[in-house]
Amino acid sequence: MPDATPHPGSISDLQKNRALLDWLRWQVGQTERRIRELEIQEAQERERRERARAETSWKIQPQRSSSVALLHRGGCATYPDQVGLISREDAMVALAQPDIEPCEVCRPDTGLTHG
């Protein structure tokens, strides 16, 4: 039967388990930090993809009582709403409508009718 008393210079099972617990807590902290970093990277990548999609899309600002509806490039800051982005083909159809005009800031018609 093995001797249950620790030898001088050795550590007990209790000390080993406390050291293991400390190390595991450190590992959990490292893993939680890495997860936060990856979540930030994922959010930044998602935002980059959404911006890129907006730059290749168009959007229509609804008509107000005092003005006509406006066609904007998807990334135009004068009308920041990103809901309802439309395709190039839909933008060409919209631009042909008499009650929709191009935004004078982002010039969505530039290159739209050629190409």
N, C-alpha and C. Protein backbone atom coordinates (compact mmCIF):
# COMPACT_ATOMS: atom_id res chain seq x y z
N MET A 1 0.85 -1.17 0.00
CA MET A 1 0.00 0.00 0.00
C MET A 1 0.89 1.23 0.00
N PRO A 2 0.59 2.21 -0.91
CA PRO A 2 1.45 3.39 -0.98
C PRO A 2 1.32 4.23 0.28
N ASP A 3 2.37 4.92 0.57
CA ASP A 3 2.41 5.81 1.74
C ASP A 3 1.55 7.04 1.46
N ALA A 4 0.58 7.36 2.35
CA ALA A 4 -0.35 8.46 2.16
C ALA A 4 0.23 9.79 2.60
N THR A 5 1.29 9.81 3.29
CA THR A 5 1.88 11.06 3.75
C THR A 5 2.81 11.60 2.68
N PRO A 6 2.71 12.89 2.41
CA PRO A 6 3.58 13.45 1.37
C PRO A 6 5.04 13.44 1.81
N HIS A 7 5.88 13.26 0.85
CA HIS A 7 7.31 13.28 1.09
C HIS A 7 7.78 14.73 1.12
N PRO A 8 8.84 15.03 1.83
CA PRO A 8 9.35 16.41 1.85
C PRO A 8 9.63 16.88 0.42
N GLY A 9 9.17 18.08 0.11
CA GLY A 9 9.39 18.65 -1.22
C GLY A 9 8.30 18.30 -2.22
N SER A 10 7.43 17.35 -1.92
CA SER A 10 6.36 17.01 -2.85
C SER A 10 5.10 17.78 -2.45
N ILE A 11 4.13 17.83 -3.38
CA ILE A 11 2.90 18.55 -3.08
C ILE A 11 1.76 17.56 -2.93
N SER A 12 0.80 17.93 -2.14
CA SER A 12 -0.33 17.03 -1.88
C SER A 12 -1.31 17.06 -3.06
N ASP A 13 -2.24 16.11 -3.04
CA ASP A 13 -3.29 16.08 -4.05
C ASP A 13 -4.12 17.36 -3.99
N LEU A 14 -4.36 17.86 -2.78
CA LEU A 14 -5.12 19.09 -2.64
C LEU A 14 -4.39 20.25 -3.31
N GLN A 15 -3.10 20.37 -3.10
CA GLN A 15 -2.31 21.44 -3.73
C GLN A 15 -2.29 21.28 -5.24
N LYS A 16 -2.17 20.05 -5.72
CA LYS A 16 -2.18 19.79 -7.16
C LYS A 16 -3.50 20.24 -7.77
N ASN A 17 -4.60 19.89 -7.11
CA ASN A 17 -5.91 20.24 -7.64
C ASN A 17 -6.17 21.74 -7.58
N ARG A 18 -5.66 22.40 -6.54
CA ARG A 18 -5.78 23.86 -6.50
C ARG A 18 -4.98 24.51 -7.62
N ALA A 19 -3.80 23.99 -7.88
CA ALA A 19 -2.98 24.51 -8.98
C ALA A 19 -3.67 24.26 -10.32
N LEU A 20 -4.25 23.08 -10.48
CA LEU A 20 -4.97 22.76 -11.70
C LEU A 20 -6.16 23.70 -11.88
N LEU A 21 -6.91 23.96 -10.81
CA LEU A 21 -8.04 24.87 -10.87
C LEU A 21 -7.59 26.27 -11.27
N ASP A 22 -6.51 26.74 -10.70
CA ASP A 22 -5.97 28.06 -11.08
C ASP A 22 -5.63 28.09 -12.56
N TRP A 23 -4.99 27.05 -13.06
CA TRP A 23 -4.61 26.99 -14.47
C TRP A 23 -5.85 26.94 -15.36
N LEU A 24 -6.84 26.15 -14.97
CA LEU A 24 -8.07 26.07 -15.76
C LEU A 24 -8.80 27.41 -15.79
N ARG A 25 -8.82 28.13 -14.67
CA ARG A 25 -9.43 29.46 -14.65
C ARG A 25 -8.69 30.40 -15.59
N TRP A 26 -7.37 30.31 -15.62
CA TRP A 26 -6.57 31.12 -16.54
C TRP A 26 -6.93 30.76 -17.98
N GLN A 27 -7.04 29.47 -18.26
CA GLN A 27 -7.40 29.00 -19.61
C GLN A 27 -8.78 29.53 -20.01
N VAL A 28 -9.75 29.50 -19.09
CA VAL A 28 -11.09 30.01 -19.38
C VAL A 28 -11.01 31.49 -19.71
N GLY A 29 -10.23 32.25 -18.95
CA GLY A 29 -10.07 33.68 -19.22
C GLY A 29 -9.47 33.91 -20.60
N GLN A 30 -8.45 33.13 -20.96
CA GLN A 30 -7.83 33.24 -22.28
C GLN A 30 -8.85 32.93 -23.38
N THR A 31 -9.63 31.89 -23.18
CA THR A 31 -10.63 31.49 -24.16
C THR A 31 -11.72 32.54 -24.30
N GLU A 32 -12.16 33.12 -23.18
CA GLU A 32 -13.18 34.17 -23.24
C GLU A 32 -12.65 35.39 -23.98
N ARG A 33 -11.40 35.76 -23.75
CA ARG A 33 -10.79 36.90 -24.48
C ARG A 33 -10.73 36.61 -25.97
N ARG A 34 -10.35 35.40 -26.33
CA ARG A 34 -10.26 35.04 -27.75
C ARG A 34 -11.64 35.07 -28.40
N ILE A 35 -12.65 34.59 -27.69
CA ILE A 35 -14.01 34.62 -28.22
C ILE A 35 -14.44 36.06 -28.47
N ARG A 36 -14.16 36.97 -27.53
CA ARG A 36 -14.52 38.38 -27.71
C ARG A 36 -13.81 38.96 -28.94
N GLU A 37 -12.52 38.63 -29.11
CA GLU A 37 -11.78 39.10 -30.28
C GLU A 37 -12.42 38.60 -31.57
N LEU A 38 -12.78 37.31 -31.59
CA LEU A 38 -13.39 36.73 -32.79
C LEU A 38 -14.77 37.32 -33.07
N GLU A 39 -15.53 37.61 -32.01
CA GLU A 39 -16.84 38.24 -32.20
C GLU A 39 -16.69 39.63 -32.81
N ILE A 40 -15.69 40.38 -32.35
CA ILE A 40 -15.44 41.71 -32.90
C ILE A 40 -15.03 41.60 -34.37
N GLN A 41 -14.14 40.66 -34.68
CA GLN A 41 -13.71 40.47 -36.07
C GLN A 41 -14.89 40.09 -36.95
N GLU A 42 -15.75 39.20 -36.45
CA GLU A 42 -16.91 38.77 -37.22
C GLU A 42 -17.86 39.94 -37.46
N ALA A 43 -18.09 40.76 -36.45
CA ALA A 43 -18.97 41.93 -36.61
C ALA A 43 -18.38 42.91 -37.61
N GLN A 44 -17.06 43.12 -37.56
CA GLN A 44 -16.42 44.03 -38.51
C GLN A 44 -16.52 43.49 -39.93
N GLU A 45 -16.35 42.20 -40.09
CA GLU A 45 -16.44 41.59 -41.41
C GLU A 45 -17.87 41.69 -41.95
N ARG A 46 -18.85 41.46 -41.09
CA ARG A 46 -20.26 41.57 -41.49
C ARG A 46 -20.56 43.01 -41.93
N GLU A 47 -20.06 43.98 -41.17
CA GLU A 47 -20.27 45.39 -41.51
C GLU A 47 -19.59 45.73 -42.84
N ARG A 48 -18.39 45.20 -43.06
CA ARG A 48 -17.67 45.43 -44.32
C ARG A 48 -18.46 44.87 -45.50
N ARG A 49 -19.00 43.66 -45.33
CA ARG A 49 -19.80 43.04 -46.40
C ARG A 49 -21.06 43.85 -46.68
N GLU A 50 -21.71 44.35 -45.62
CA GLU A 50 -22.92 45.15 -45.80
C GLU A 50 -22.61 46.46 -46.52
N ARG A 51 -21.47 47.09 -46.17
CA ARG A 51 -21.07 48.33 -46.86
C ARG A 51 -20.78 48.05 -48.33
N ALA A 52 -20.08 46.95 -48.59
CA ALA A 52 -19.75 46.60 -49.97
C ALA A 52 -21.03 46.33 -50.77
N ARG A 53 -21.99 45.66 -50.16
CA ARG A 53 -23.27 45.41 -50.83
C ARG A 53 -23.99 46.72 -51.11
N ALA A 54 -23.98 47.61 -50.14
CA ALA A 54 -24.65 48.90 -50.32
C ALA A 54 -24.02 49.69 -51.46
N GLU A 55 -22.71 49.61 -51.61
CA GLU A 55 -22.02 50.36 -52.66
C GLU A 55 -22.35 49.85 -54.05
N THR A 56 -22.83 48.62 -54.15
CA THR A 56 -23.19 48.07 -55.46
C THR A 56 -24.71 47.99 -55.62
N SER A 57 -25.42 48.71 -54.76
CA SER A 57 -26.88 48.73 -54.80
C SER A 57 -27.37 50.17 -54.84
N TRP A 58 -28.67 50.29 -54.96
CA TRP A 58 -29.32 51.60 -54.96
C TRP A 58 -30.46 51.56 -53.96
N LYS A 59 -31.03 52.72 -53.67
CA LYS A 59 -32.17 52.80 -52.77
C LYS A 59 -33.03 54.00 -53.16
N ILE A 60 -34.29 53.91 -52.81
CA ILE A 60 -35.22 54.98 -53.15
C ILE A 60 -35.70 55.65 -51.86
N GLN A 61 -35.52 56.95 -51.82
CA GLN A 61 -36.05 57.75 -50.72
C GLN A 61 -37.48 58.11 -51.09
N PRO A 62 -38.43 57.70 -50.27
CA PRO A 62 -39.83 57.95 -50.61
C PRO A 62 -40.14 59.43 -50.80
N GLN A 63 -41.14 59.68 -51.60
CA GLN A 63 -41.59 61.05 -51.87
C GLN A 63 -42.13 61.67 -50.59
N ARG A 64 -41.77 62.92 -50.38
CA ARG A 64 -42.34 63.70 -49.28
C ARG A 64 -43.32 64.69 -49.88
N SER A 65 -44.14 65.29 -49.05
CA SER A 65 -45.17 66.19 -49.56
C SER A 65 -44.58 67.35 -50.37
N SER A 66 -43.36 67.77 -50.03
CA SER A 66 -42.78 68.93 -50.72
C SER A 66 -41.73 68.56 -51.77
N SER A 67 -41.50 67.27 -52.00
CA SER A 67 -40.47 66.90 -52.96
C SER A 67 -40.78 65.57 -53.63
N VAL A 68 -40.06 65.30 -54.69
CA VAL A 68 -40.22 64.04 -55.41
C VAL A 68 -39.41 62.95 -54.69
N ALA A 69 -39.66 61.70 -55.07
CA ALA A 69 -38.85 60.59 -54.55
C ALA A 69 -37.46 60.70 -55.17
N LEU A 70 -36.46 60.24 -54.42
CA LEU A 70 -35.08 60.32 -54.91
C LEU A 70 -34.45 58.95 -54.99
N LEU A 71 -33.69 58.74 -56.05
CA LEU A 71 -32.88 57.53 -56.19
C LEU A 71 -31.49 57.85 -55.67
N HIS A 72 -30.96 56.98 -54.79
CA HIS A 72 -29.63 57.16 -54.21
C HIS A 72 -28.78 55.92 -54.48
N ARG A 73 -27.48 56.10 -54.43
CA ARG A 73 -26.59 54.95 -54.36
C ARG A 73 -26.78 54.33 -52.98
N GLY A 74 -26.54 53.05 -52.85
CA GLY A 74 -26.78 52.36 -51.59
C GLY A 74 -26.02 52.93 -50.41
N GLY A 75 -24.84 53.49 -50.66
CA GLY A 75 -24.03 54.02 -49.56
C GLY A 75 -24.18 55.50 -49.34
N CYS A 76 -25.14 56.16 -49.99
CA CYS A 76 -25.30 57.61 -49.87
C CYS A 76 -25.68 57.98 -48.44
N ALA A 77 -24.91 58.89 -47.86
CA ALA A 77 -25.14 59.30 -46.48
C ALA A 77 -26.28 60.30 -46.34
N THR A 78 -26.72 60.90 -47.45
CA THR A 78 -27.82 61.86 -47.32
C THR A 78 -29.15 61.16 -47.05
N TYR A 79 -29.20 59.88 -47.34
CA TYR A 79 -30.37 59.05 -46.98
C TYR A 79 -29.80 57.72 -46.48
N PRO A 80 -29.49 57.65 -45.18
CA PRO A 80 -28.73 56.51 -44.64
C PRO A 80 -29.52 55.21 -44.49
N ASP A 81 -30.81 55.20 -44.77
CA ASP A 81 -31.61 53.98 -44.61
C ASP A 81 -31.05 52.89 -45.52
N GLN A 82 -30.70 51.74 -44.95
CA GLN A 82 -30.16 50.62 -45.73
C GLN A 82 -31.21 49.54 -46.01
N VAL A 83 -32.44 49.78 -45.59
CA VAL A 83 -33.51 48.81 -45.82
C VAL A 83 -34.01 48.97 -47.25
N GLY A 84 -34.24 47.87 -47.91
CA GLY A 84 -34.82 47.93 -49.24
C GLY A 84 -33.86 48.30 -50.35
N LEU A 85 -32.61 47.85 -50.26
CA LEU A 85 -31.67 48.10 -51.35
C LEU A 85 -32.17 47.39 -52.60
N ILE A 86 -31.97 48.05 -53.75
CA ILE A 86 -32.45 47.48 -55.01
C ILE A 86 -31.29 47.24 -55.97
N SER A 87 -31.54 46.43 -56.96
CA SER A 87 -30.52 46.06 -57.94
C SER A 87 -30.32 47.16 -58.98
N ARG A 88 -29.30 46.99 -59.79
CA ARG A 88 -29.01 47.93 -60.87
C ARG A 88 -30.19 48.02 -61.83
N GLU A 89 -30.74 46.87 -62.17
CA GLU A 89 -31.88 46.84 -63.10
C GLU A 89 -33.07 47.59 -62.52
N ASP A 90 -33.37 47.37 -61.25
CA ASP A 90 -34.48 48.07 -60.61
C ASP A 90 -34.21 49.58 -60.53
N ALA A 91 -32.96 49.94 -60.32
CA ALA A 91 -32.60 51.36 -60.26
C ALA A 91 -32.81 52.02 -61.63
N MET A 92 -32.49 51.29 -62.71
CA MET A 92 -32.69 51.83 -64.05
C MET A 92 -34.18 52.04 -64.32
N VAL A 93 -35.02 51.10 -63.88
CA VAL A 93 -36.46 51.24 -64.04
C VAL A 93 -36.95 52.43 -63.22
N ALA A 94 -36.47 52.54 -61.98
CA ALA A 94 -36.90 53.65 -61.11
C ALA A 94 -36.52 54.99 -61.71
N LEU A 95 -35.33 55.08 -62.26
CA LEU A 95 -34.85 56.34 -62.82
C LEU A 95 -35.68 56.76 -64.03
N ALA A 96 -36.29 55.80 -64.69
CA ALA A 96 -37.13 56.10 -65.86
C ALA A 96 -38.51 56.62 -65.45
N GLN A 97 -38.84 56.52 -64.19
CA GLN A 97 -40.15 56.99 -63.71
C GLN A 97 -40.14 58.52 -63.59
N PRO A 98 -41.23 59.17 -63.97
CA PRO A 98 -41.26 60.64 -63.93
C PRO A 98 -41.27 61.22 -62.51
N ASP A 99 -41.68 60.43 -61.53
CA ASP A 99 -41.76 60.96 -60.17
C ASP A 99 -40.57 60.58 -59.29
N ILE A 100 -39.48 60.07 -59.92
CA ILE A 100 -38.26 59.73 -59.19
C ILE A 100 -37.09 60.44 -59.86
N GLU A 101 -36.33 61.19 -59.07
CA GLU A 101 -35.17 61.92 -59.59
C GLU A 101 -33.89 61.41 -58.91
N PRO A 102 -32.74 61.56 -59.57
CA PRO A 102 -31.49 61.14 -58.94
C PRO A 102 -31.04 62.12 -57.87
N CYS A 103 -30.42 61.60 -56.84
CA CYS A 103 -29.83 62.44 -55.79
C CYS A 103 -28.71 63.26 -56.41
N GLU A 104 -28.65 64.54 -56.08
CA GLU A 104 -27.61 65.40 -56.65
C GLU A 104 -26.29 65.28 -55.90
N VAL A 105 -26.29 64.58 -54.77
CA VAL A 105 -25.06 64.39 -54.00
C VAL A 105 -24.31 63.15 -54.47
N CYS A 106 -25.00 62.01 -54.49
CA CYS A 106 -24.32 60.75 -54.83
C CYS A 106 -24.38 60.40 -56.32
N ARG A 107 -25.19 61.13 -57.09
CA ARG A 107 -25.31 60.95 -58.54
C ARG A 107 -25.47 59.47 -58.92
N PRO A 108 -26.57 58.83 -58.50
CA PRO A 108 -26.76 57.41 -58.78
C PRO A 108 -26.94 57.08 -60.26
N ASP A 109 -27.24 58.10 -61.07
CA ASP A 109 -27.44 57.89 -62.49
C ASP A 109 -26.12 57.79 -63.25
N THR A 110 -25.03 58.25 -62.65
CA THR A 110 -23.74 58.20 -63.32
C THR A 110 -23.34 56.75 -63.58
N GLY A 111 -23.20 56.43 -64.85
CA GLY A 111 -22.83 55.06 -65.22
C GLY A 111 -23.96 54.07 -65.18
N LEU A 112 -25.11 54.47 -64.70
CA LEU A 112 -26.22 53.54 -64.56
C LEU A 112 -26.86 53.24 -65.91
N THR A 113 -26.97 54.22 -66.75
CA THR A 113 -27.63 53.99 -68.03
C THR A 113 -26.67 53.50 -69.11
N HIS A 114 -25.39 53.45 -68.78
CA HIS A 114 -24.40 52.92 -69.73
C HIS A 114 -23.82 51.65 -69.14
N GLY A 115 -23.89 50.58 -69.84
CA GLY A 115 -23.17 49.46 -69.33
C GLY A 115 -23.79 48.21 -69.22
